[in-house]
Amino acid sequence: FGKSLDLYKQVDLNSVLLKFGMKPSINYYNISDFKDALTRFYGVVP
């Protein structure tokens, strides 16, 4: 559980999505918006 928490804080998904302007919205995104942002930041395919 401790390492899971560490990894969660390490990847900081909430901040990464905000960094790329990905906020909850009544308007739609394209799924590629998420894929491209996450792959670009983390350097791996989620």
All heavy atoms as atom14 arrays in JSON, in Angstrom:
{
  "sequence": "FGKSLDLYKQVDLNSVLLKFGMKPSINYYNISDFKDALTRFYGVVP",
  "atom14_mask": [
    [1, 1, 1, 1, 1, 1, 1, 1, 1, 1, 1, 0, 0, 0],
    [1, 1, 1, 1, 0, 0, 0, 0, 0, 0, 0, 0, 0, 0],
    [1, 1, 1, 1, 1, 1, 1, 1, 1, 0, 0, 0, 0, 0],
    [1, 1, 1, 1, 1, 1, 0, 0, 0, 0, 0, 0, 0, 0],
    [1, 1, 1, 1, 1, 1, 1, 1, 0, 0, 0, 0, 0, 0],
    [1, 1, 1, 1, 1, 1, 1, 1, 0, 0, 0, 0, 0, 0],
    [1, 1, 1, 1, 1, 1, 1, 1, 0, 0, 0, 0, 0, 0],
    [1, 1, 1, 1, 1, 1, 1, 1, 1, 1, 1, 1, 0, 0],
    [1, 1, 1, 1, 1, 1, 1, 1, 1, 0, 0, 0, 0, 0],
    [1, 1, 1, 1, 1, 1, 1, 1, 1, 0, 0, 0, 0, 0],
    [1, 1, 1, 1, 1, 1, 1, 0, 0, 0, 0, 0, 0, 0],
    [1, 1, 1, 1, 1, 1, 1, 1, 0, 0, 0, 0, 0, 0],
    [1, 1, 1, 1, 1, 1, 1, 1, 0, 0, 0, 0, 0, 0],
    [1, 1, 1, 1, 1, 1, 1, 1, 0, 0, 0, 0, 0, 0],
    [1, 1, 1, 1, 1, 1, 0, 0, 0, 0, 0, 0, 0, 0],
    [1, 1, 1, 1, 1, 1, 1, 0, 0, 0, 0, 0, 0, 0],
    [1, 1, 1, 1, 1, 1, 1, 1, 0, 0, 0, 0, 0, 0],
    [1, 1, 1, 1, 1, 1, 1, 1, 0, 0, 0, 0, 0, 0],
    [1, 1, 1, 1, 1, 1, 1, 1, 1, 0, 0, 0, 0, 0],
    [1, 1, 1, 1, 1, 1, 1, 1, 1, 1, 1, 0, 0, 0],
    [1, 1, 1, 1, 0, 0, 0, 0, 0, 0, 0, 0, 0, 0],
    [1, 1, 1, 1, 1, 1, 1, 1, 0, 0, 0, 0, 0, 0],
    [1, 1, 1, 1, 1, 1, 1, 1, 1, 0, 0, 0, 0, 0],
    [1, 1, 1, 1, 1, 1, 1, 0, 0, 0, 0, 0, 0, 0],
    [1, 1, 1, 1, 1, 1, 0, 0, 0, 0, 0, 0, 0, 0],
    [1, 1, 1, 1, 1, 1, 1, 1, 0, 0, 0, 0, 0, 0],
    [1, 1, 1, 1, 1, 1, 1, 1, 0, 0, 0, 0, 0, 0],
    [1, 1, 1, 1, 1, 1, 1, 1, 1, 1, 1, 1, 0, 0],
    [1, 1, 1, 1, 1, 1, 1, 1, 1, 1, 1, 1, 0, 0],
    [1, 1, 1, 1, 1, 1, 1, 1, 0, 0, 0, 0, 0, 0],
    [1, 1, 1, 1, 1, 1, 1, 1, 0, 0, 0, 0, 0, 0],
    [1, 1, 1, 1, 1, 1, 0, 0, 0, 0, 0, 0, 0, 0],
    [1, 1, 1, 1, 1, 1, 1, 1, 0, 0, 0, 0, 0, 0],
    [1, 1, 1, 1, 1, 1, 1, 1, 1, 1, 1, 0, 0, 0],
    [1, 1, 1, 1, 1, 1, 1, 1, 1, 0, 0, 0, 0, 0],
    [1, 1, 1, 1, 1, 1, 1, 1, 0, 0, 0, 0, 0, 0],
    [1, 1, 1, 1, 1, 0, 0, 0, 0, 0, 0, 0, 0, 0],
    [1, 1, 1, 1, 1, 1, 1, 1, 0, 0, 0, 0, 0, 0],
    [1, 1, 1, 1, 1, 1, 1, 0, 0, 0, 0, 0, 0, 0],
    [1, 1, 1, 1, 1, 1, 1, 1, 1, 1, 1, 0, 0, 0],
    [1, 1, 1, 1, 1, 1, 1, 1, 1, 1, 1, 0, 0, 0],
    [1, 1, 1, 1, 1, 1, 1, 1, 1, 1, 1, 1, 0, 0],
    [1, 1, 1, 1, 0, 0, 0, 0, 0, 0, 0, 0, 0, 0],
    [1, 1, 1, 1, 1, 1, 1, 0, 0, 0, 0, 0, 0, 0],
    [1, 1, 1, 1, 1, 1, 1, 0, 0, 0, 0, 0, 0, 0],
    [1, 1, 1, 1, 1, 1, 1, 0, 0, 0, 0, 0, 0, 0]
  ],
  "atom14_positions": [
    [[0.82, -1.2, 0.0], [0.0, 0.0, 0.0], [0.87, 1.27, 0.0], [0.53, 2.26, -0.64], [-0.96, -0.02, 1.19], [-2.08, -1.01, 1.05], [-2.07, -2.2, 1.77], [-3.13, -0.78, 0.18], [-3.09, -3.13, 1.64], [-4.17, -1.7, 0.03], [-4.14, -2.88, 0.77], [0.0, 0.0, 0.0], [0.0, 0.0, 0.0], [0.0, 0.0, 0.0]],
    [[1.99, 1.23, 0.71], [2.87, 2.38, 0.76], [3.46, 2.69, -0.61], [3.52, 3.85, -1.03], [0.0, 0.0, 0.0], [0.0, 0.0, 0.0], [0.0, 0.0, 0.0], [0.0, 0.0, 0.0], [0.0, 0.0, 0.0], [0.0, 0.0, 0.0], [0.0, 0.0, 0.0], [0.0, 0.0, 0.0], [0.0, 0.0, 0.0], [0.0, 0.0, 0.0]],
    [[3.92, 1.66, -1.32], [4.5, 1.87, -2.65], [3.42, 2.32, -3.63], [3.69, 3.14, -4.53], [5.17, 0.59, -3.15], [5.81, 0.7, -4.53], [6.81, 1.84, -4.61], [8.06, 1.56, -3.82], [9.08, 2.63, -4.03], [0.0, 0.0, 0.0], [0.0, 0.0, 0.0], [0.0, 0.0, 0.0], [0.0, 0.0, 0.0], [0.0, 0.0, 0.0]],
    [[2.22, 1.81, -3.5], [1.13, 2.25, -4.36], [0.89, 3.75, -4.19], [0.72, 4.48, -5.18], [-0.16, 1.47, -4.04], [0.0, 0.09, -4.26], [0.0, 0.0, 0.0], [0.0, 0.0, 0.0], [0.0, 0.0, 0.0], [0.0, 0.0, 0.0], [0.0, 0.0, 0.0], [0.0, 0.0, 0.0], [0.0, 0.0, 0.0], [0.0, 0.0, 0.0]],
    [[0.88, 4.2, -2.96], [0.71, 5.63, -2.68], [1.88, 6.43, -3.27], [1.69, 7.5, -3.84], [0.6, 5.88, -1.18], [-0.68, 5.37, -0.5], [-0.52, 5.4, 1.02], [-1.89, 6.22, -0.92], [0.0, 0.0, 0.0], [0.0, 0.0, 0.0], [0.0, 0.0, 0.0], [0.0, 0.0, 0.0], [0.0, 0.0, 0.0], [0.0, 0.0, 0.0]],
    [[3.1, 5.9, -3.12], [4.27, 6.58, -3.66], [4.16, 6.74, -5.18], [4.47, 7.81, -5.73], [5.55, 5.81, -3.32], [5.91, 5.88, -1.84], [5.36, 6.76, -1.14], [6.73, 5.05, -1.4], [0.0, 0.0, 0.0], [0.0, 0.0, 0.0], [0.0, 0.0, 0.0], [0.0, 0.0, 0.0], [0.0, 0.0, 0.0], [0.0, 0.0, 0.0]],
    [[3.77, 5.67, -5.86], [3.66, 5.73, -7.32], [2.56, 6.7, -7.75], [2.71, 7.43, -8.73], [3.39, 4.33, -7.88], [4.53, 3.32, -7.71], [4.09, 1.94, -8.22], [5.79, 3.77, -8.44], [0.0, 0.0, 0.0], [0.0, 0.0, 0.0], [0.0, 0.0, 0.0], [0.0, 0.0, 0.0], [0.0, 0.0, 0.0], [0.0, 0.0, 0.0]],
    [[1.47, 6.7, -7.02], [0.37, 7.62, -7.3], [0.85, 9.07, -7.23], [0.57, 9.89, -8.11], [-0.76, 7.38, -6.3], [-1.87, 8.4, -6.32], [-2.95, 8.28, -7.2], [-1.86, 9.49, -5.45], [-3.98, 9.21, -7.21], [-2.88, 10.43, -5.45], [-3.94, 10.29, -6.32], [-4.95, 11.22, -6.33], [0.0, 0.0, 0.0], [0.0, 0.0, 0.0]],
    [[1.6, 9.37, -6.18], [2.12, 10.74, -6.02], [3.19, 11.03, -7.07], [3.31, 12.16, -7.55], [2.67, 10.92, -4.61], [1.61, 10.83, -3.52], [2.25, 10.89, -2.13], [1.21, 10.72, -1.04], [1.82, 10.75, 0.32], [0.0, 0.0, 0.0], [0.0, 0.0, 0.0], [0.0, 0.0, 0.0], [0.0, 0.0, 0.0], [0.0, 0.0, 0.0]],
    [[3.96, 10.03, -7.4], [5.04, 10.2, -8.38], [4.49, 10.58, -9.75], [5.0, 11.51, -10.4], [5.86, 8.92, -8.47], [6.91, 8.89, -9.56], [7.57, 7.53, -9.69], [7.85, 6.86, -8.7], [7.8, 7.09, -10.92], [0.0, 0.0, 0.0], [0.0, 0.0, 0.0], [0.0, 0.0, 0.0], [0.0, 0.0, 0.0], [0.0, 0.0, 0.0]],
    [[3.47, 9.86, -10.22], [2.94, 10.15, -11.57], [2.06, 11.39, -11.57], [1.93, 12.06, -12.59], [2.18, 8.94, -12.15], [3.08, 7.72, -12.23], [0.93, 8.61, -11.34], [0.0, 0.0, 0.0], [0.0, 0.0, 0.0], [0.0, 0.0, 0.0], [0.0, 0.0, 0.0], [0.0, 0.0, 0.0], [0.0, 0.0, 0.0], [0.0, 0.0, 0.0]],
    [[1.43, 11.7, -10.44], [0.68, 12.95, -10.25], [-0.26, 13.2, -11.44], [-0.22, 14.27, -12.07], [1.65, 14.11, -10.06], [0.97, 15.34, -9.45], [-0.2, 15.23, -9.04], [1.62, 16.4, -9.4], [0.0, 0.0, 0.0], [0.0, 0.0, 0.0], [0.0, 0.0, 0.0], [0.0, 0.0, 0.0], [0.0, 0.0, 0.0], [0.0, 0.0, 0.0]],
    [[-1.11, 12.24, -11.71], [-1.99, 12.29, -12.87], [-2.87, 13.53, -12.89], [-3.08, 14.15, -13.94], [-2.86, 11.02, -12.91], [-3.9, 10.94, -14.03], [-3.24, 10.95, -15.4], [-4.76, 9.68, -13.86], [0.0, 0.0, 0.0], [0.0, 0.0, 0.0], [0.0, 0.0, 0.0], [0.0, 0.0, 0.0], [0.0, 0.0, 0.0], [0.0, 0.0, 0.0]],
    [[-3.39, 13.91, -11.74], [-4.28, 15.07, -11.69], [-3.59, 16.33, -12.22], [-4.15, 17.08, -13.01], [-4.76, 15.3, -10.25], [-5.69, 14.21, -9.77], [-6.86, 14.17, -10.12], [-5.18, 13.31, -8.94], [0.0, 0.0, 0.0], [0.0, 0.0, 0.0], [0.0, 0.0, 0.0], [0.0, 0.0, 0.0], [0.0, 0.0, 0.0], [0.0, 0.0, 0.0]],
    [[-2.36, 16.55, -11.78], [-1.62, 17.73, -12.22], [-1.25, 17.66, -13.69], [-1.26, 18.68, -14.4], [-0.35, 17.92, -11.38], [-0.67, 18.19, -10.04], [0.0, 0.0, 0.0], [0.0, 0.0, 0.0], [0.0, 0.0, 0.0], [0.0, 0.0, 0.0], [0.0, 0.0, 0.0], [0.0, 0.0, 0.0], [0.0, 0.0, 0.0], [0.0, 0.0, 0.0]],
    [[-0.92, 16.46, -14.16], [-0.53, 16.3, -15.56], [-1.7, 16.63, -16.48], [-1.54, 17.35, -17.48], [-0.03, 14.87, -15.82], [0.18, 14.62, -17.31], [1.27, 14.62, -15.06], [0.0, 0.0, 0.0], [0.0, 0.0, 0.0], [0.0, 0.0, 0.0], [0.0, 0.0, 0.0], [0.0, 0.0, 0.0], [0.0, 0.0, 0.0], [0.0, 0.0, 0.0]],
    [[-2.88, 16.15, -16.15], [-4.04, 16.45, -16.98], [-4.33, 17.95, -17.0], [-4.63, 18.53, -18.06], [-5.26, 15.66, -16.48], [-5.2, 14.15, -16.7], [-6.4, 13.47, -16.05], [-5.14, 13.81, -18.19], [0.0, 0.0, 0.0], [0.0, 0.0, 0.0], [0.0, 0.0, 0.0], [0.0, 0.0, 0.0], [0.0, 0.0, 0.0], [0.0, 0.0, 0.0]],
    [[-4.23, 18.58, -15.84], [-4.45, 20.02, -15.78], [-3.4, 20.78, -16.59], [-3.69, 21.79, -17.23], [-4.45, 20.5, -14.33], [-5.65, 20.08, -13.47], [-5.45, 20.5, -12.03], [-6.93, 20.68, -14.03], [0.0, 0.0, 0.0], [0.0, 0.0, 0.0], [0.0, 0.0, 0.0], [0.0, 0.0, 0.0], [0.0, 0.0, 0.0], [0.0, 0.0, 0.0]],
    [[-2.17, 20.28, -16.55], [-1.07, 20.91, -17.3], [-1.4, 20.99, -18.79], [-1.03, 21.96, -19.48], [0.21, 20.11, -17.07], [1.42, 20.56, -17.9], [2.6, 19.65, -17.64], [3.79, 19.99, -18.53], [4.4, 21.28, -18.16], [0.0, 0.0, 0.0], [0.0, 0.0, 0.0], [0.0, 0.0, 0.0], [0.0, 0.0, 0.0], [0.0, 0.0, 0.0]],
    [[-2.08, 19.97, -19.29], [-2.44, 19.93, -20.7], [-3.85, 20.46, -20.96], [-4.41, 20.25, -22.05], [-2.31, 18.5, -21.23], [-0.88, 18.07, -21.44], [-0.17, 17.45, -20.42], [-0.23, 18.31, -22.64], [1.14, 17.06, -20.6], [1.08, 17.92, -22.84], [1.78, 17.3, -21.81], [0.0, 0.0, 0.0], [0.0, 0.0, 0.0], [0.0, 0.0, 0.0]],
    [[-4.42, 21.12, -19.97], [-5.74, 21.73, -20.14], [-6.89, 20.75, -20.14], [-7.99, 21.08, -20.62], [0.0, 0.0, 0.0], [0.0, 0.0, 0.0], [0.0, 0.0, 0.0], [0.0, 0.0, 0.0], [0.0, 0.0, 0.0], [0.0, 0.0, 0.0], [0.0, 0.0, 0.0], [0.0, 0.0, 0.0], [0.0, 0.0, 0.0], [0.0, 0.0, 0.0]],
    [[-6.66, 19.55, -19.59], [-7.71, 18.53, -19.57], [-8.49, 18.65, -18.26], [-8.08, 18.11, -17.22], [-7.08, 17.13, -19.7], [-6.04, 17.02, -20.81], [-6.76, 17.08, -22.45], [-7.59, 15.5, -22.48], [0.0, 0.0, 0.0], [0.0, 0.0, 0.0], [0.0, 0.0, 0.0], [0.0, 0.0, 0.0], [0.0, 0.0, 0.0], [0.0, 0.0, 0.0]],
    [[-9.6, 19.36, -18.31], [-10.44, 19.56, -17.14], [-11.81, 18.95, -17.39], [-12.28, 18.9, -18.54], [-10.6, 21.05, -16.85], [-9.29, 21.79, -16.59], [-9.56, 23.27, -16.37], [-8.26, 24.04, -16.12], [-8.52, 25.49, -15.92], [0.0, 0.0, 0.0], [0.0, 0.0, 0.0], [0.0, 0.0, 0.0], [0.0, 0.0, 0.0], [0.0, 0.0, 0.0]],
    [[-12.47, 18.47, -16.32], [-13.84, 17.99, -16.5], [-14.69, 19.07, -17.16], [-14.56, 20.26, -16.83], [-14.3, 17.69, -15.07], [-13.04, 17.47, -14.31], [-12.02, 18.37, -14.92], [0.0, 0.0, 0.0], [0.0, 0.0, 0.0], [0.0, 0.0, 0.0], [0.0, 0.0, 0.0], [0.0, 0.0, 0.0], [0.0, 0.0, 0.0], [0.0, 0.0, 0.0]],
    [[-15.55, 18.66, -18.08], [-16.3, 19.65, -18.85], [-17.57, 19.03, -19.4], [-17.63, 17.82, -19.67], [-15.44, 20.19, -19.99], [-16.18, 21.03, -20.84], [0.0, 0.0, 0.0], [0.0, 0.0, 0.0], [0.0, 0.0, 0.0], [0.0, 0.0, 0.0], [0.0, 0.0, 0.0], [0.0, 0.0, 0.0], [0.0, 0.0, 0.0], [0.0, 0.0, 0.0]],
    [[-18.57, 19.88, -19.61], [-19.79, 19.41, -20.27], [-19.55, 19.28, -21.78], [-20.36, 18.67, -22.48], [-20.98, 20.34, -20.0], [-20.67, 21.76, -20.5], [-21.34, 20.34, -18.52], [-21.86, 22.71, -20.4], [0.0, 0.0, 0.0], [0.0, 0.0, 0.0], [0.0, 0.0, 0.0], [0.0, 0.0, 0.0], [0.0, 0.0, 0.0], [0.0, 0.0, 0.0]],
    [[-18.46, 19.86, -22.25], [-18.07, 19.7, -23.65], [-17.21, 18.45, -23.8], [-16.52, 18.04, -22.87], [-17.31, 20.93, -24.14], [-18.15, 22.19, -24.08], [-19.3, 22.2, -24.51], [-17.57, 23.26, -23.53], [0.0, 0.0, 0.0], [0.0, 0.0, 0.0], [0.0, 0.0, 0.0], [0.0, 0.0, 0.0], [0.0, 0.0, 0.0], [0.0, 0.0, 0.0]],
    [[-17.22, 17.86, -24.98], [-16.52, 16.6, -25.2], [-15.08, 16.82, -25.61], [-14.73, 17.8, -26.27], [-17.22, 15.77, -26.28], [-18.65, 15.42, -25.96], [-19.59, 15.24, -26.98], [-19.07, 15.26, -24.64], [-20.91, 14.91, -26.69], [-20.38, 14.93, -24.34], [-21.31, 14.77, -25.37], [-22.6, 14.46, -25.08], [0.0, 0.0, 0.0], [0.0, 0.0, 0.0]],
    [[-14.21, 15.89, -25.21], [-12.85, 15.79, -25.72], [-12.81, 14.68, -26.76], [-13.79, 13.95, -26.96], [-11.87, 15.45, -24.59], [-11.68, 16.55, -23.55], [-12.45, 16.6, -22.4], [-10.69, 17.52, -23.73], [-12.27, 17.6, -21.46], [-10.5, 18.52, -22.79], [-11.29, 18.55, -21.65], [-11.1, 19.54, -20.72], [0.0, 0.0, 0.0], [0.0, 0.0, 0.0]],
    [[-11.67, 14.52, -27.37], [-11.41, 13.33, -28.17], [-10.48, 12.45, -27.35], [-9.6, 12.94, -26.64], [-10.76, 13.69, -29.51], [-10.81, 12.52, -30.49], [-10.14, 11.51, -30.31], [-11.59, 12.69, -31.55], [0.0, 0.0, 0.0], [0.0, 0.0, 0.0], [0.0, 0.0, 0.0], [0.0, 0.0, 0.0], [0.0, 0.0, 0.0], [0.0, 0.0, 0.0]],
    [[-10.66, 11.14, -27.43], [-9.84, 10.25, -26.61], [-8.35, 10.41, -26.96], [-7.47, 10.22, -26.11], [-10.28, 8.78, -26.78], [-9.7, 7.93, -25.63], [-9.91, 8.23, -28.14], [-10.18, 8.33, -24.26], [0.0, 0.0, 0.0], [0.0, 0.0, 0.0], [0.0, 0.0, 0.0], [0.0, 0.0, 0.0], [0.0, 0.0, 0.0], [0.0, 0.0, 0.0]],
    [[-8.07, 10.85, -28.19], [-6.67, 11.07, -28.58], [-6.06, 12.23, -27.79], [-4.83, 12.27, -27.6], [-6.56, 11.35, -30.08], [-7.26, 12.53, -30.43], [0.0, 0.0, 0.0], [0.0, 0.0, 0.0], [0.0, 0.0, 0.0], [0.0, 0.0, 0.0], [0.0, 0.0, 0.0], [0.0, 0.0, 0.0], [0.0, 0.0, 0.0], [0.0, 0.0, 0.0]],
    [[-6.89, 13.16, -27.3], [-6.37, 14.26, -26.47], [-5.72, 13.7, -25.21], [-4.64, 14.14, -24.79], [-7.5, 15.22, -26.08], [-8.13, 15.91, -27.28], [-7.43, 16.09, -28.29], [-9.33, 16.25, -27.19], [0.0, 0.0, 0.0], [0.0, 0.0, 0.0], [0.0, 0.0, 0.0], [0.0, 0.0, 0.0], [0.0, 0.0, 0.0], [0.0, 0.0, 0.0]],
    [[-6.37, 12.72, -24.61], [-5.83, 12.09, -23.4], [-4.6, 11.25, -23.73], [-3.57, 11.34, -23.06], [-6.9, 11.22, -22.73], [-7.97, 12.0, -22.02], [-9.12, 12.39, -22.68], [-7.83, 12.34, -20.68], [-10.11, 13.11, -22.03], [-8.81, 13.06, -20.02], [-9.95, 13.45, -20.7], [0.0, 0.0, 0.0], [0.0, 0.0, 0.0], [0.0, 0.0, 0.0]],
    [[-4.72, 10.43, -24.76], [-3.61, 9.54, -25.11], [-2.35, 10.34, -25.45], [-1.25, 10.04, -24.97], [-3.99, 8.68, -26.32], [-5.03, 7.61, -26.04], [-5.32, 6.82, -27.31], [-6.36, 5.74, -27.07], [-6.68, 5.01, -28.33], [0.0, 0.0, 0.0], [0.0, 0.0, 0.0], [0.0, 0.0, 0.0], [0.0, 0.0, 0.0], [0.0, 0.0, 0.0]],
    [[-2.52, 11.37, -26.27], [-1.36, 12.15, -26.7], [-0.71, 12.89, -25.54], [0.52, 12.93, -25.41], [-1.77, 13.15, -27.79], [-2.18, 12.47, -29.09], [-1.92, 11.26, -29.22], [-2.78, 13.15, -29.94], [0.0, 0.0, 0.0], [0.0, 0.0, 0.0], [0.0, 0.0, 0.0], [0.0, 0.0, 0.0], [0.0, 0.0, 0.0], [0.0, 0.0, 0.0]],
    [[-1.54, 13.47, -24.66], [-1.0, 14.23, -23.52], [-0.23, 13.31, -22.58], [0.89, 13.64, -22.15], [-2.15, 14.92, -22.78], [0.0, 0.0, 0.0], [0.0, 0.0, 0.0], [0.0, 0.0, 0.0], [0.0, 0.0, 0.0], [0.0, 0.0, 0.0], [0.0, 0.0, 0.0], [0.0, 0.0, 0.0], [0.0, 0.0, 0.0], [0.0, 0.0, 0.0]],
    [[-0.81, 12.16, -22.25], [-0.18, 11.25, -21.3], [1.09, 10.62, -21.89], [2.1, 10.49, -21.2], [-1.16, 10.17, -20.86], [-2.41, 10.68, -20.12], [-3.36, 9.53, -19.81], [-2.02, 11.4, -18.83], [0.0, 0.0, 0.0], [0.0, 0.0, 0.0], [0.0, 0.0, 0.0], [0.0, 0.0, 0.0], [0.0, 0.0, 0.0], [0.0, 0.0, 0.0]],
    [[1.03, 10.23, -23.15], [2.2, 9.64, -23.79], [3.33, 10.66, -23.9], [4.5, 10.34, -23.67], [1.83, 9.1, -25.18], [0.8, 8.11, -25.04], [3.04, 8.47, -25.85], [0.0, 0.0, 0.0], [0.0, 0.0, 0.0], [0.0, 0.0, 0.0], [0.0, 0.0, 0.0], [0.0, 0.0, 0.0], [0.0, 0.0, 0.0], [0.0, 0.0, 0.0]],
    [[2.97, 11.88, -24.22], [3.97, 12.93, -24.34], [4.65, 13.21, -23.0], [5.88, 13.37, -22.93], [3.31, 14.21, -24.87], [4.26, 15.41, -25.0], [3.51, 16.62, -25.52], [4.33, 17.82, -25.49], [3.89, 19.04, -25.77], [2.63, 19.2, -26.12], [4.69, 20.07, -25.71], [0.0, 0.0, 0.0], [0.0, 0.0, 0.0], [0.0, 0.0, 0.0]],
    [[3.87, 13.25, -21.93], [4.45, 13.6, -20.63], [5.24, 12.43, -20.03], [6.36, 12.61, -19.56], [3.36, 14.03, -19.65], [3.9, 14.51, -18.33], [4.32, 15.81, -18.18], [4.0, 13.64, -17.25], [4.85, 16.26, -16.97], [4.53, 14.07, -16.04], [4.95, 15.38, -15.9], [0.0, 0.0, 0.0], [0.0, 0.0, 0.0], [0.0, 0.0, 0.0]],
    [[4.64, 11.24, -20.01], [5.26, 10.1, -19.33], [6.25, 9.35, -20.22], [7.09, 8.6, -19.71], [4.19, 9.13, -18.83], [3.3, 9.71, -17.76], [1.93, 9.89, -17.98], [3.81, 10.07, -16.51], [1.11, 10.41, -17.0], [3.0, 10.59, -15.52], [1.64, 10.76, -15.77], [0.82, 11.29, -14.8], [0.0, 0.0, 0.0], [0.0, 0.0, 0.0]],
    [[6.13, 9.5, -21.52], [7.03, 8.8, -22.42], [6.69, 7.34, -22.6], [7.5, 6.57, -23.14], [0.0, 0.0, 0.0], [0.0, 0.0, 0.0], [0.0, 0.0, 0.0], [0.0, 0.0, 0.0], [0.0, 0.0, 0.0], [0.0, 0.0, 0.0], [0.0, 0.0, 0.0], [0.0, 0.0, 0.0], [0.0, 0.0, 0.0], [0.0, 0.0, 0.0]],
    [[5.5, 6.93, -22.16], [5.04, 5.55, -22.31], [3.57, 5.58, -22.73], [2.89, 6.6, -22.58], [5.19, 4.74, -21.0], [6.65, 4.59, -20.61], [4.39, 5.38, -19.86], [0.0, 0.0, 0.0], [0.0, 0.0, 0.0], [0.0, 0.0, 0.0], [0.0, 0.0, 0.0], [0.0, 0.0, 0.0], [0.0, 0.0, 0.0], [0.0, 0.0, 0.0]],
    [[3.1, 4.45, -23.24], [1.71, 4.35, -23.69], [0.83, 3.85, -22.55], [1.06, 2.75, -22.03], [1.6, 3.41, -24.9], [0.16, 3.31, -25.37], [2.5, 3.9, -26.04], [0.0, 0.0, 0.0], [0.0, 0.0, 0.0], [0.0, 0.0, 0.0], [0.0, 0.0, 0.0], [0.0, 0.0, 0.0], [0.0, 0.0, 0.0], [0.0, 0.0, 0.0]],
    [[-0.16, 4.62, -22.13], [-1.07, 4.18, -21.07], [-2.21, 3.35, -21.65], [-2.3, 3.12, -22.86], [-1.6, 5.51, -20.52], [-1.68, 6.37, -21.75], [-0.5, 5.97, -22.63], [0.0, 0.0, 0.0], [0.0, 0.0, 0.0], [0.0, 0.0, 0.0], [0.0, 0.0, 0.0], [0.0, 0.0, 0.0], [0.0, 0.0, 0.0], [0.0, 0.0, 0.0]]
  ]
}
